[in-house]
Protein backbone atom coordinates (compact mmCIF):
# COMPACT_ATOMS: atom_id res chain seq x y z
CA UNK A 1 0.00 0.00 0.00
CA UNK A 2 3.01 2.30 -0.27
CA UNK A 3 2.28 2.98 -3.94
CA UNK A 4 -0.58 5.46 -3.32
CA UNK A 5 1.75 7.53 -1.13
CA UNK A 6 4.20 7.84 -4.00
CA UNK A 7 1.47 8.73 -6.49
CA UNK A 8 -0.19 11.23 -4.18
CA UNK A 9 2.47 13.79 -5.05
CA UNK A 10 1.89 13.42 -8.81
CA UNK A 11 -1.90 13.25 -8.88
CA UNK A 12 -4.11 16.08 -7.78
CA UNK A 13 -6.60 13.88 -5.97
CA UNK A 14 -6.17 10.79 -3.81
CA UNK A 15 -8.95 9.04 -5.75
CA UNK A 16 -7.10 9.62 -9.01
CA UNK A 17 -3.88 8.31 -7.46
CA UNK A 18 -5.75 5.25 -6.23
CA UNK A 19 -7.13 4.55 -9.71
CA UNK A 20 -3.65 4.89 -11.22
CA UNK A 21 -2.28 2.41 -8.73
CA UNK A 22 -5.12 -0.04 -9.36
CA UNK A 23 -4.47 0.07 -13.09
CA UNK A 24 -0.81 -0.73 -12.47
CA UNK A 25 -1.72 -3.67 -10.23
CA UNK A 26 -4.45 -5.14 -12.42
CA UNK A 27 -2.32 -6.77 -15.13
CA UNK A 28 0.30 -8.45 -12.90
CA UNK A 29 -2.30 -9.76 -10.50
CA UNK A 30 -4.55 -11.01 -13.31
CA UNK A 31 -1.66 -12.72 -15.08
CA UNK A 32 -0.52 -14.40 -11.87
CA UNK A 33 -4.01 -15.68 -11.05
CA UNK A 34 -4.54 -16.86 -14.63
CA UNK A 35 -1.22 -18.74 -14.70
CA UNK A 36 -1.82 -20.47 -11.39
CA UNK A 37 -5.39 -21.38 -12.32
CA UNK A 38 -4.24 -22.72 -15.71
CA UNK A 39 -1.92 -25.05 -13.84
CA UNK A 40 -4.58 -26.12 -11.35
CA UNK A 41 -7.47 -26.75 -13.74
CA UNK A 42 -6.04 -30.03 -15.09
CA UNK A 43 -5.73 -31.23 -11.49
CA UNK A 44 -9.36 -30.37 -10.85
CA UNK A 45 -10.64 -32.12 -13.98
CA UNK A 46 -8.47 -35.22 -13.90
CA UNK A 47 -10.01 -38.62 -13.22
CA UNK A 48 -6.94 -40.83 -13.07
CA UNK A 49 -5.28 -42.60 -10.19
CA UNK A 50 -4.87 -40.33 -7.18
CA UNK A 51 -7.02 -37.60 -8.66
CA UNK A 52 -9.27 -37.46 -5.58
CA UNK A 53 -6.36 -36.26 -3.46
CA UNK A 54 -5.17 -33.72 -6.01
CA UNK A 55 -8.69 -32.39 -6.52
CA UNK A 56 -8.97 -31.75 -2.77
CA UNK A 57 -5.86 -29.60 -3.03
CA UNK A 58 -6.67 -27.80 -6.30
CA UNK A 59 -10.22 -26.66 -5.54
CA UNK A 60 -9.36 -24.59 -2.41
CA UNK A 61 -6.32 -23.16 -4.17
CA UNK A 62 -8.42 -21.91 -7.08
CA UNK A 63 -10.93 -20.40 -4.66
CA UNK A 64 -8.13 -18.79 -2.70
CA UNK A 65 -6.61 -17.26 -5.80
CA UNK A 66 -9.94 -15.79 -6.87
CA UNK A 67 -10.68 -14.41 -3.41
CA UNK A 68 -7.17 -12.96 -3.03
CA UNK A 69 -7.48 -11.21 -6.39
CA UNK A 70 -10.81 -9.68 -5.40
CA UNK A 71 -9.48 -8.63 -2.00
CA UNK A 72 -6.34 -7.09 -3.45
CA UNK A 73 -8.00 -5.22 -6.30
CA UNK A 74 -11.38 -4.22 -4.85
CA UNK A 75 -11.83 -4.65 -1.10
CA UNK A 76 -8.52 -3.46 0.38
CA UNK A 77 -8.20 -0.11 -1.50
CA UNK A 78 -11.59 1.13 -0.28
CA UNK A 79 -10.83 1.02 3.48
CA UNK A 80 -7.32 2.30 2.77
CA UNK A 81 -8.72 5.39 1.07
CA UNK A 82 -11.23 5.91 3.89
CA UNK A 83 -8.55 5.66 6.58
CA UNK A 84 -6.23 8.04 4.70
CA UNK A 85 -9.03 10.58 4.33
CA UNK A 86 -9.81 10.28 8.03
CA UNK A 87 -6.11 10.73 8.94
CA UNK A 88 -5.82 13.84 6.78
CA UNK A 89 -8.94 15.34 8.37
CA UNK A 90 -7.52 14.73 11.83
CA UNK A 91 -4.20 16.26 10.84
CA UNK A 92 -5.91 19.44 9.64
CA UNK A 93 -7.76 19.94 12.92
PDB file of N, CA and C in Angstrom:
ATOM      1  N   UNK A   1       0.811  -1.196   0.000  1.00  0.00           N
ATOM      2  CA  UNK A   1       0.000   0.000   0.000  1.00  0.00           C
ATOM      3  C   UNK A   1       0.856   1.262   0.000  1.00  0.00           C
ATOM      4  N   UNK A   2       2.156   1.128  -0.215  1.00  0.00           N
ATOM      5  CA  UNK A   2       3.014   2.303  -0.274  1.00  0.00           C
ATOM      6  C   UNK A   2       2.919   3.023  -1.611  1.00  0.00           C
ATOM      7  N   UNK A   3       2.364   2.357  -2.624  1.00  0.00           N
ATOM      8  CA  UNK A   3       2.279   2.978  -3.945  1.00  0.00           C
ATOM      9  C   UNK A   3       1.380   4.217  -3.966  1.00  0.00           C
ATOM     10  N   UNK A   4       0.215   4.237  -3.294  1.00  0.00           N
ATOM     11  CA  UNK A   4      -0.584   5.465  -3.317  1.00  0.00           C
ATOM     12  C   UNK A   4       0.137   6.658  -2.716  1.00  0.00           C
ATOM     13  N   UNK A   5       0.999   6.429  -1.715  1.00  0.00           N
ATOM     14  CA  UNK A   5       1.751   7.533  -1.131  1.00  0.00           C
ATOM     15  C   UNK A   5       2.688   8.147  -2.153  1.00  0.00           C
ATOM     16  N   UNK A   6       3.303   7.318  -2.970  1.00  0.00           N
ATOM     17  CA  UNK A   6       4.198   7.837  -4.000  1.00  0.00           C
ATOM     18  C   UNK A   6       3.424   8.577  -5.085  1.00  0.00           C
ATOM     19  N   UNK A   7       2.260   8.095  -5.437  1.00  0.00           N
ATOM     20  CA  UNK A   7       1.468   8.732  -6.492  1.00  0.00           C
ATOM     21  C   UNK A   7       0.712   9.957  -6.002  1.00  0.00           C
ATOM     22  N   UNK A   8       0.567  10.099  -4.713  1.00  0.00           N
ATOM     23  CA  UNK A   8      -0.187  11.227  -4.184  1.00  0.00           C
ATOM     24  C   UNK A   8       0.462  12.545  -4.571  1.00  0.00           C
ATOM     25  N   UNK A   9       1.781  12.558  -4.704  1.00  0.00           N
ATOM     26  CA  UNK A   9       2.474  13.790  -5.055  1.00  0.00           C
ATOM     27  C   UNK A   9       2.301  14.145  -6.521  1.00  0.00           C
ATOM     28  N   UNK A  10       2.016  13.174  -7.374  1.00  0.00           N
ATOM     29  CA  UNK A  10       1.887  13.418  -8.807  1.00  0.00           C
ATOM     30  C   UNK A  10       0.437  13.651  -9.229  1.00  0.00           C
ATOM     31  N   UNK A  11      -0.489  13.099  -8.509  1.00  0.00           N
ATOM     32  CA  UNK A  11      -1.904  13.252  -8.881  1.00  0.00           C
ATOM     33  C   UNK A  11      -2.541  14.299  -7.995  1.00  0.00           C
ATOM     34  N   UNK A  12      -3.495  15.001  -8.542  1.00  0.00           N
ATOM     35  CA  UNK A  12      -4.110  16.080  -7.782  1.00  0.00           C
ATOM     36  C   UNK A  12      -5.054  15.560  -6.711  1.00  0.00           C
ATOM     37  N   UNK A  13      -5.652  14.433  -6.930  1.00  0.00           N
ATOM     38  CA  UNK A  13      -6.601  13.878  -5.970  1.00  0.00           C
ATOM     39  C   UNK A  13      -6.163  12.484  -5.537  1.00  0.00           C
ATOM     40  N   UNK A  14      -6.491  12.132  -4.298  1.00  0.00           N
ATOM     41  CA  UNK A  14      -6.169  10.789  -3.814  1.00  0.00           C
ATOM     42  C   UNK A  14      -6.937   9.724  -4.586  1.00  0.00           C
ATOM     43  N   UNK A  15      -8.159  10.009  -4.987  1.00  0.00           N
ATOM     44  CA  UNK A  15      -8.948   9.040  -5.752  1.00  0.00           C
ATOM     45  C   UNK A  15      -8.289   8.763  -7.106  1.00  0.00           C
ATOM     46  N   UNK A  16      -7.781   9.805  -7.721  1.00  0.00           N
ATOM     47  CA  UNK A  16      -7.099   9.621  -9.009  1.00  0.00           C
ATOM     48  C   UNK A  16      -5.825   8.808  -8.825  1.00  0.00           C
ATOM     49  N   UNK A  17      -5.096   9.084  -7.748  1.00  0.00           N
ATOM     50  CA  UNK A  17      -3.884   8.311  -7.464  1.00  0.00           C
ATOM     51  C   UNK A  17      -4.231   6.854  -7.210  1.00  0.00           C
ATOM     52  N   UNK A  18      -5.323   6.626  -6.511  1.00  0.00           N
ATOM     53  CA  UNK A  18      -5.751   5.253  -6.233  1.00  0.00           C
ATOM     54  C   UNK A  18      -6.095   4.518  -7.518  1.00  0.00           C
ATOM     55  N   UNK A  19      -6.783   5.177  -8.436  1.00  0.00           N
ATOM     56  CA  UNK A  19      -7.125   4.545  -9.705  1.00  0.00           C
ATOM     57  C   UNK A  19      -5.880   4.243 -10.529  1.00  0.00           C
ATOM     58  N   UNK A  20      -4.910   5.138 -10.499  1.00  0.00           N
ATOM     59  CA  UNK A  20      -3.653   4.892 -11.223  1.00  0.00           C
ATOM     60  C   UNK A  20      -2.951   3.662 -10.670  1.00  0.00           C
ATOM     61  N   UNK A  21      -2.936   3.545  -9.369  1.00  0.00           N
ATOM     62  CA  UNK A  21      -2.281   2.409  -8.732  1.00  0.00           C
ATOM     63  C   UNK A  21      -3.025   1.122  -9.067  1.00  0.00           C
ATOM     64  N   UNK A  22      -4.340   1.162  -9.045  1.00  0.00           N
ATOM     65  CA  UNK A  22      -5.121  -0.035  -9.361  1.00  0.00           C
ATOM     66  C   UNK A  22      -4.897  -0.488 -10.790  1.00  0.00           C
ATOM     67  N   UNK A  23      -4.757   0.447 -11.707  1.00  0.00           N
ATOM     68  CA  UNK A  23      -4.474   0.069 -13.094  1.00  0.00           C
ATOM     69  C   UNK A  23      -3.110  -0.590 -13.208  1.00  0.00           C
ATOM     70  N   UNK A  24      -2.146  -0.118 -12.436  1.00  0.00           N
ATOM     71  CA  UNK A  24      -0.810  -0.725 -12.474  1.00  0.00           C
ATOM     72  C   UNK A  24      -0.812  -2.120 -11.865  1.00  0.00           C
ATOM     73  N   UNK A  25      -1.671  -2.374 -10.894  1.00  0.00           N
ATOM     74  CA  UNK A  25      -1.724  -3.674 -10.231  1.00  0.00           C
ATOM     75  C   UNK A  25      -2.570  -4.693 -10.969  1.00  0.00           C
ATOM     76  N   UNK A  26      -3.484  -4.249 -11.797  1.00  0.00           N
ATOM     77  CA  UNK A  26      -4.447  -5.143 -12.420  1.00  0.00           C
ATOM     78  C   UNK A  26      -3.783  -6.204 -13.296  1.00  0.00           C
ATOM     79  N   UNK A  27      -2.912  -5.815 -14.196  1.00  0.00           N
ATOM     80  CA  UNK A  27      -2.318  -6.774 -15.130  1.00  0.00           C
ATOM     81  C   UNK A  27      -1.445  -7.810 -14.426  1.00  0.00           C
ATOM     82  N   UNK A  28      -0.514  -7.418 -13.555  1.00  0.00           N
ATOM     83  CA  UNK A  28       0.302  -8.453 -12.904  1.00  0.00           C
ATOM     84  C   UNK A  28      -0.516  -9.413 -12.050  1.00  0.00           C
ATOM     85  N   UNK A  29      -1.487  -8.892 -11.339  1.00  0.00           N
ATOM     86  CA  UNK A  29      -2.303  -9.758 -10.496  1.00  0.00           C
ATOM     87  C   UNK A  29      -3.142 -10.696 -11.358  1.00  0.00           C
ATOM     88  N   UNK A  30      -3.733 -10.186 -12.422  1.00  0.00           N
ATOM     89  CA  UNK A  30      -4.549 -11.010 -13.305  1.00  0.00           C
ATOM     90  C   UNK A  30      -3.711 -12.087 -13.985  1.00  0.00           C
ATOM     91  N   UNK A  31      -2.526 -11.739 -14.425  1.00  0.00           N
ATOM     92  CA  UNK A  31      -1.661 -12.717 -15.080  1.00  0.00           C
ATOM     93  C   UNK A  31      -1.217 -13.805 -14.110  1.00  0.00           C
ATOM     94  N   UNK A  32      -0.922 -13.423 -12.871  1.00  0.00           N
ATOM     95  CA  UNK A  32      -0.517 -14.404 -11.869  1.00  0.00           C
ATOM     96  C   UNK A  32      -1.655 -15.371 -11.568  1.00  0.00           C
ATOM     97  N   UNK A  33      -2.844 -14.839 -11.347  1.00  0.00           N
ATOM     98  CA  UNK A  33      -4.006 -15.683 -11.054  1.00  0.00           C
ATOM     99  C   UNK A  33      -4.310 -16.594 -12.242  1.00  0.00           C
ATOM    100  N   UNK A  34      -4.248 -16.053 -13.446  1.00  0.00           N
ATOM    101  CA  UNK A  34      -4.537 -16.863 -14.631  1.00  0.00           C
ATOM    102  C   UNK A  34      -3.516 -17.991 -14.799  1.00  0.00           C
ATOM    103  N   UNK A  35      -2.251 -17.710 -14.549  1.00  0.00           N
ATOM    104  CA  UNK A  35      -1.219 -18.736 -14.703  1.00  0.00           C
ATOM    105  C   UNK A  35      -1.382 -19.846 -13.663  1.00  0.00           C
ATOM    106  N   UNK A  36      -1.651 -19.467 -12.439  1.00  0.00           N
ATOM    107  CA  UNK A  36      -1.823 -20.473 -11.390  1.00  0.00           C
ATOM    108  C   UNK A  36      -3.072 -21.307 -11.652  1.00  0.00           C
ATOM    109  N   UNK A  37      -4.160 -20.649 -12.050  1.00  0.00           N
ATOM    110  CA  UNK A  37      -5.385 -21.385 -12.323  1.00  0.00           C
ATOM    111  C   UNK A  37      -5.234 -22.293 -13.545  1.00  0.00           C
ATOM    112  N   UNK A  38      -4.470 -21.866 -14.530  1.00  0.00           N
ATOM    113  CA  UNK A  38      -4.236 -22.722 -15.707  1.00  0.00           C
ATOM    114  C   UNK A  38      -3.484 -23.989 -15.305  1.00  0.00           C
ATOM    115  N   UNK A  39      -2.626 -23.875 -14.319  1.00  0.00           N
ATOM    116  CA  UNK A  39      -1.925 -25.050 -13.840  1.00  0.00           C
ATOM    117  C   UNK A  39      -2.772 -25.936 -12.948  1.00  0.00           C
ATOM    118  N   UNK A  40      -3.753 -25.353 -12.265  1.00  0.00           N
ATOM    119  CA  UNK A  40      -4.584 -26.125 -11.347  1.00  0.00           C
ATOM    120  C   UNK A  40      -5.806 -26.760 -12.006  1.00  0.00           C
ATOM    121  N   UNK A  41      -6.271 -26.204 -13.099  1.00  0.00           N
ATOM    122  CA  UNK A  41      -7.473 -26.748 -13.744  1.00  0.00           C
ATOM    123  C   UNK A  41      -7.313 -28.198 -14.189  1.00  0.00           C
ATOM    124  N   UNK A  42      -6.178 -28.604 -14.761  1.00  0.00           N
ATOM    125  CA  UNK A  42      -6.039 -30.029 -15.093  1.00  0.00           C
ATOM    126  C   UNK A  42      -6.116 -30.925 -13.852  1.00  0.00           C
ATOM    127  N   UNK A  43      -5.623 -30.447 -12.727  1.00  0.00           N
ATOM    128  CA  UNK A  43      -5.725 -31.235 -11.495  1.00  0.00           C
ATOM    129  C   UNK A  43      -7.176 -31.379 -11.056  1.00  0.00           C
ATOM    130  N   UNK A  44      -7.953 -30.323 -11.248  1.00  0.00           N
ATOM    131  CA  UNK A  44      -9.364 -30.375 -10.851  1.00  0.00           C
ATOM    132  C   UNK A  44     -10.165 -31.305 -11.750  1.00  0.00           C
ATOM    133  N   UNK A  45      -9.834 -31.357 -13.025  1.00  0.00           N
ATOM    134  CA  UNK A  45     -10.641 -32.118 -13.983  1.00  0.00           C
ATOM    135  C   UNK A  45     -10.142 -33.538 -14.235  1.00  0.00           C
ATOM    136  N   UNK A  46      -9.012 -33.889 -13.634  1.00  0.00           N
ATOM    137  CA  UNK A  46      -8.472 -35.224 -13.901  1.00  0.00           C
ATOM    138  C   UNK A  46      -9.321 -36.301 -13.230  1.00  0.00           C
ATOM    139  N   UNK A  47      -9.264 -37.510 -13.800  1.00  0.00           N
ATOM    140  CA  UNK A  47     -10.012 -38.619 -13.219  1.00  0.00           C
ATOM    141  C   UNK A  47      -9.163 -39.882 -13.140  1.00  0.00           C
ATOM    142  N   UNK A  48      -7.844 -39.693 -13.133  1.00  0.00           N
ATOM    143  CA  UNK A  48      -6.936 -40.835 -13.075  1.00  0.00           C
ATOM    144  C   UNK A  48      -6.677 -41.267 -11.638  1.00  0.00           C
ATOM    145  N   UNK A  49      -5.668 -42.092 -11.497  1.00  0.00           N
ATOM    146  CA  UNK A  49      -5.281 -42.598 -10.189  1.00  0.00           C
ATOM    147  C   UNK A  49      -4.766 -41.464  -9.321  1.00  0.00           C
ATOM    148  N   UNK A  50      -5.294 -41.364  -8.111  1.00  0.00           N
ATOM    149  CA  UNK A  50      -4.872 -40.332  -7.176  1.00  0.00           C
ATOM    150  C   UNK A  50      -5.498 -38.970  -7.414  1.00  0.00           C
ATOM    151  N   UNK A  51      -6.436 -38.901  -8.340  1.00  0.00           N
ATOM    152  CA  UNK A  51      -7.023 -37.600  -8.659  1.00  0.00           C
ATOM    153  C   UNK A  51      -7.891 -37.053  -7.530  1.00  0.00           C
ATOM    154  N   UNK A  52      -8.432 -37.935  -6.682  1.00  0.00           N
ATOM    155  CA  UNK A  52      -9.267 -37.465  -5.580  1.00  0.00           C
ATOM    156  C   UNK A  52      -8.449 -36.600  -4.620  1.00  0.00           C
ATOM    157  N   UNK A  53      -7.232 -37.014  -4.368  1.00  0.00           N
ATOM    158  CA  UNK A  53      -6.362 -36.262  -3.460  1.00  0.00           C
ATOM    159  C   UNK A  53      -5.964 -34.933  -4.091  1.00  0.00           C
ATOM    160  N   UNK A  54      -5.597 -34.950  -5.339  1.00  0.00           N
ATOM    161  CA  UNK A  54      -5.169 -33.724  -6.007  1.00  0.00           C
ATOM    162  C   UNK A  54      -6.326 -32.744  -6.171  1.00  0.00           C
ATOM    163  N   UNK A  55      -7.517 -33.252  -6.388  1.00  0.00           N
ATOM    164  CA  UNK A  55      -8.690 -32.385  -6.516  1.00  0.00           C
ATOM    165  C   UNK A  55      -8.960 -31.666  -5.198  1.00  0.00           C
ATOM    166  N   UNK A  56      -8.758 -32.365  -4.087  1.00  0.00           N
ATOM    167  CA  UNK A  56      -8.967 -31.749  -2.774  1.00  0.00           C
ATOM    168  C   UNK A  56      -7.983 -30.613  -2.533  1.00  0.00           C
ATOM    169  N   UNK A  57      -6.850 -30.666  -3.171  1.00  0.00           N
ATOM    170  CA  UNK A  57      -5.859 -29.600  -3.034  1.00  0.00           C
ATOM    171  C   UNK A  57      -6.151 -28.464  -4.015  1.00  0.00           C
ATOM    172  N   UNK A  58      -6.515 -28.802  -5.239  1.00  0.00           N
ATOM    173  CA  UNK A  58      -6.665 -27.800  -6.303  1.00  0.00           C
ATOM    174  C   UNK A  58      -7.876 -26.906  -6.108  1.00  0.00           C
ATOM    175  N   UNK A  59      -8.985 -27.462  -5.661  1.00  0.00           N
ATOM    176  CA  UNK A  59     -10.218 -26.663  -5.537  1.00  0.00           C
ATOM    177  C   UNK A  59     -10.055 -25.515  -4.539  1.00  0.00           C
ATOM    178  N   UNK A  60      -9.553 -25.743  -3.323  1.00  0.00           N
ATOM    179  CA  UNK A  60      -9.361 -24.595  -2.413  1.00  0.00           C
ATOM    180  C   UNK A  60      -8.319 -23.598  -2.922  1.00  0.00           C
ATOM    181  N   UNK A  61      -7.327 -24.082  -3.640  1.00  0.00           N
ATOM    182  CA  UNK A  61      -6.317 -23.160  -4.165  1.00  0.00           C
ATOM    183  C   UNK A  61      -6.908 -22.231  -5.218  1.00  0.00           C
ATOM    184  N   UNK A  62      -7.762 -22.757  -6.079  1.00  0.00           N
ATOM    185  CA  UNK A  62      -8.421 -21.910  -7.085  1.00  0.00           C
ATOM    186  C   UNK A  62      -9.320 -20.889  -6.384  1.00  0.00           C
ATOM    187  N   UNK A  63     -10.085 -21.324  -5.410  1.00  0.00           N
ATOM    188  CA  UNK A  63     -10.932 -20.397  -4.656  1.00  0.00           C
ATOM    189  C   UNK A  63     -10.121 -19.341  -3.931  1.00  0.00           C
ATOM    190  N   UNK A  64      -8.992 -19.742  -3.379  1.00  0.00           N
ATOM    191  CA  UNK A  64      -8.128 -18.789  -2.696  1.00  0.00           C
ATOM    192  C   UNK A  64      -7.529 -17.768  -3.637  1.00  0.00           C
ATOM    193  N   UNK A  65      -7.162 -18.199  -4.823  1.00  0.00           N
ATOM    194  CA  UNK A  65      -6.607 -17.260  -5.801  1.00  0.00           C
ATOM    195  C   UNK A  65      -7.654 -16.241  -6.250  1.00  0.00           C
ATOM    196  N   UNK A  66      -8.868 -16.706  -6.466  1.00  0.00           N
ATOM    197  CA  UNK A  66      -9.937 -15.788  -6.873  1.00  0.00           C
ATOM    198  C   UNK A  66     -10.236 -14.802  -5.753  1.00  0.00           C
ATOM    199  N   UNK A  67     -10.365 -15.307  -4.529  1.00  0.00           N
ATOM    200  CA  UNK A  67     -10.677 -14.408  -3.411  1.00  0.00           C
ATOM    201  C   UNK A  67      -9.532 -13.437  -3.132  1.00  0.00           C
ATOM    202  N   UNK A  68      -8.288 -13.882  -3.264  1.00  0.00           N
ATOM    203  CA  UNK A  68      -7.170 -12.964  -3.027  1.00  0.00           C
ATOM    204  C   UNK A  68      -7.121 -11.878  -4.099  1.00  0.00           C
ATOM    205  N   UNK A  69      -7.452 -12.218  -5.327  1.00  0.00           N
ATOM    206  CA  UNK A  69      -7.479 -11.211  -6.389  1.00  0.00           C
ATOM    207  C   UNK A  69      -8.551 -10.165  -6.111  1.00  0.00           C
ATOM    208  N   UNK A  70      -9.721 -10.619  -5.702  1.00  0.00           N
ATOM    209  CA  UNK A  70     -10.812  -9.679  -5.399  1.00  0.00           C
ATOM    210  C   UNK A  70     -10.443  -8.809  -4.199  1.00  0.00           C
ATOM    211  N   UNK A  71      -9.883  -9.409  -3.169  1.00  0.00           N
ATOM    212  CA  UNK A  71      -9.482  -8.633  -2.001  1.00  0.00           C
ATOM    213  C   UNK A  71      -8.423  -7.598  -2.349  1.00  0.00           C
ATOM    214  N   UNK A  72      -7.441  -7.996  -3.111  1.00  0.00           N
ATOM    215  CA  UNK A  72      -6.344  -7.091  -3.452  1.00  0.00           C
ATOM    216  C   UNK A  72      -6.786  -5.947  -4.349  1.00  0.00           C
ATOM    217  N   UNK A  73      -7.644  -6.234  -5.302  1.00  0.00           N
ATOM    218  CA  UNK A  73      -8.001  -5.224  -6.296  1.00  0.00           C
ATOM    219  C   UNK A  73      -9.231  -4.399  -5.935  1.00  0.00           C
ATOM    220  N   UNK A  74     -10.116  -4.924  -5.097  1.00  0.00           N
ATOM    221  CA  UNK A  74     -11.379  -4.225  -4.845  1.00  0.00           C
ATOM    222  C   UNK A  74     -11.555  -3.866  -3.365  1.00  0.00           C
ATOM    223  N   UNK A  75     -11.436  -4.849  -2.499  1.00  0.00           N
ATOM    224  CA  UNK A  75     -11.829  -4.654  -1.102  1.00  0.00           C
ATOM    225  C   UNK A  75     -10.816  -3.831  -0.319  1.00  0.00           C
ATOM    226  N   UNK A  76      -9.541  -4.118  -0.422  1.00  0.00           N
ATOM    227  CA  UNK A  76      -8.518  -3.455   0.383  1.00  0.00           C
ATOM    228  C   UNK A  76      -8.360  -1.962   0.049  1.00  0.00           C
ATOM    229  N   UNK A  77      -8.375  -1.543  -1.218  1.00  0.00           N
ATOM    230  CA  UNK A  77      -8.201  -0.114  -1.500  1.00  0.00           C
ATOM    231  C   UNK A  77      -9.301   0.789  -0.920  1.00  0.00           C
ATOM    232  N   UNK A  78     -10.502   0.287  -0.797  1.00  0.00           N
ATOM    233  CA  UNK A  78     -11.590   1.127  -0.284  1.00  0.00           C
ATOM    234  C   UNK A  78     -11.365   1.522   1.177  1.00  0.00           C
ATOM    235  N   UNK A  79     -11.116   0.586   2.101  1.00  0.00           N
ATOM    236  CA  UNK A  79     -10.829   1.015   3.478  1.00  0.00           C
ATOM    237  C   UNK A  79      -9.544   1.824   3.589  1.00  0.00           C
ATOM    238  N   UNK A  80      -8.566   1.533   2.744  1.00  0.00           N
ATOM    239  CA  UNK A  80      -7.317   2.297   2.770  1.00  0.00           C
ATOM    240  C   UNK A  80      -7.596   3.767   2.460  1.00  0.00           C
ATOM    241  N   UNK A  81      -8.381   4.015   1.434  1.00  0.00           N
ATOM    242  CA  UNK A  81      -8.718   5.394   1.069  1.00  0.00           C
ATOM    243  C   UNK A  81      -9.515   6.068   2.177  1.00  0.00           C
ATOM    244  N   UNK A  82     -10.425   5.332   2.801  1.00  0.00           N
ATOM    245  CA  UNK A  82     -11.226   5.914   3.887  1.00  0.00           C
ATOM    246  C   UNK A  82     -10.352   6.265   5.089  1.00  0.00           C
ATOM    247  N   UNK A  83      -9.436   5.396   5.437  1.00  0.00           N
ATOM    248  CA  UNK A  83      -8.549   5.663   6.582  1.00  0.00           C
ATOM    249  C   UNK A  83      -7.631   6.843   6.279  1.00  0.00           C
ATOM    250  N   UNK A  84      -7.098   6.912   5.071  1.00  0.00           N
ATOM    251  CA  UNK A  84      -6.228   8.037   4.699  1.00  0.00           C
ATOM    252  C   UNK A  84      -6.984   9.362   4.754  1.00  0.00           C
ATOM    253  N   UNK A  85      -8.217   9.372   4.265  1.00  0.00           N
ATOM    254  CA  UNK A  85      -9.032  10.582   4.325  1.00  0.00           C
ATOM    255  C   UNK A  85      -9.275  10.988   5.773  1.00  0.00           C
ATOM    256  N   UNK A  86      -9.578  10.012   6.610  1.00  0.00           N
ATOM    257  CA  UNK A  86      -9.810  10.277   8.025  1.00  0.00           C
ATOM    258  C   UNK A  86      -8.538  10.822   8.696  1.00  0.00           C
ATOM    259  N   UNK A  87      -7.375  10.255   8.374  1.00  0.00           N
ATOM    260  CA  UNK A  87      -6.111  10.730   8.943  1.00  0.00           C
ATOM    261  C   UNK A  87      -5.818  12.155   8.517  1.00  0.00           C
ATOM    262  N   UNK A  88      -6.073  12.486   7.249  1.00  0.00           N
ATOM    263  CA  UNK A  88      -5.822  13.844   6.781  1.00  0.00           C
ATOM    264  C   UNK A  88      -6.765  14.846   7.437  1.00  0.00           C
ATOM    265  N   UNK A  89      -7.996  14.442   7.673  1.00  0.00           N
ATOM    266  CA  UNK A  89      -8.940  15.339   8.372  1.00  0.00           C
ATOM    267  C   UNK A  89      -8.493  15.588   9.793  1.00  0.00           C
ATOM    268  N   UNK A  90      -8.011  14.555  10.470  1.00  0.00           N
ATOM    269  CA  UNK A  90      -7.523  14.726  11.832  1.00  0.00           C
ATOM    270  C   UNK A  90      -6.268  15.583  11.879  1.00  0.00           C
ATOM    271  N   UNK A  91      -5.430  15.474  10.872  1.00  0.00           N
ATOM    272  CA  UNK A  91      -4.196  16.258  10.836  1.00  0.00           C
ATOM    273  C   UNK A  91      -4.495  17.736  10.604  1.00  0.00           C
ATOM    274  N   UNK A  92      -5.553  18.037   9.896  1.00  0.00           N
ATOM    275  CA  UNK A  92      -5.914  19.440   9.639  1.00  0.00           C
ATOM    276  C   UNK A  92      -6.490  20.125  10.866  1.00  0.00           C
ATOM    277  N   UNK A  93      -7.105  19.353  11.739  1.00  0.00           N
ATOM    278  CA  UNK A  93      -7.756  19.936  12.923  1.00  0.00           C
ATOM    279  C   UNK A  93      -6.787  20.285  13.993  1.00  0.00           C
TER     280      UNK A  93
END
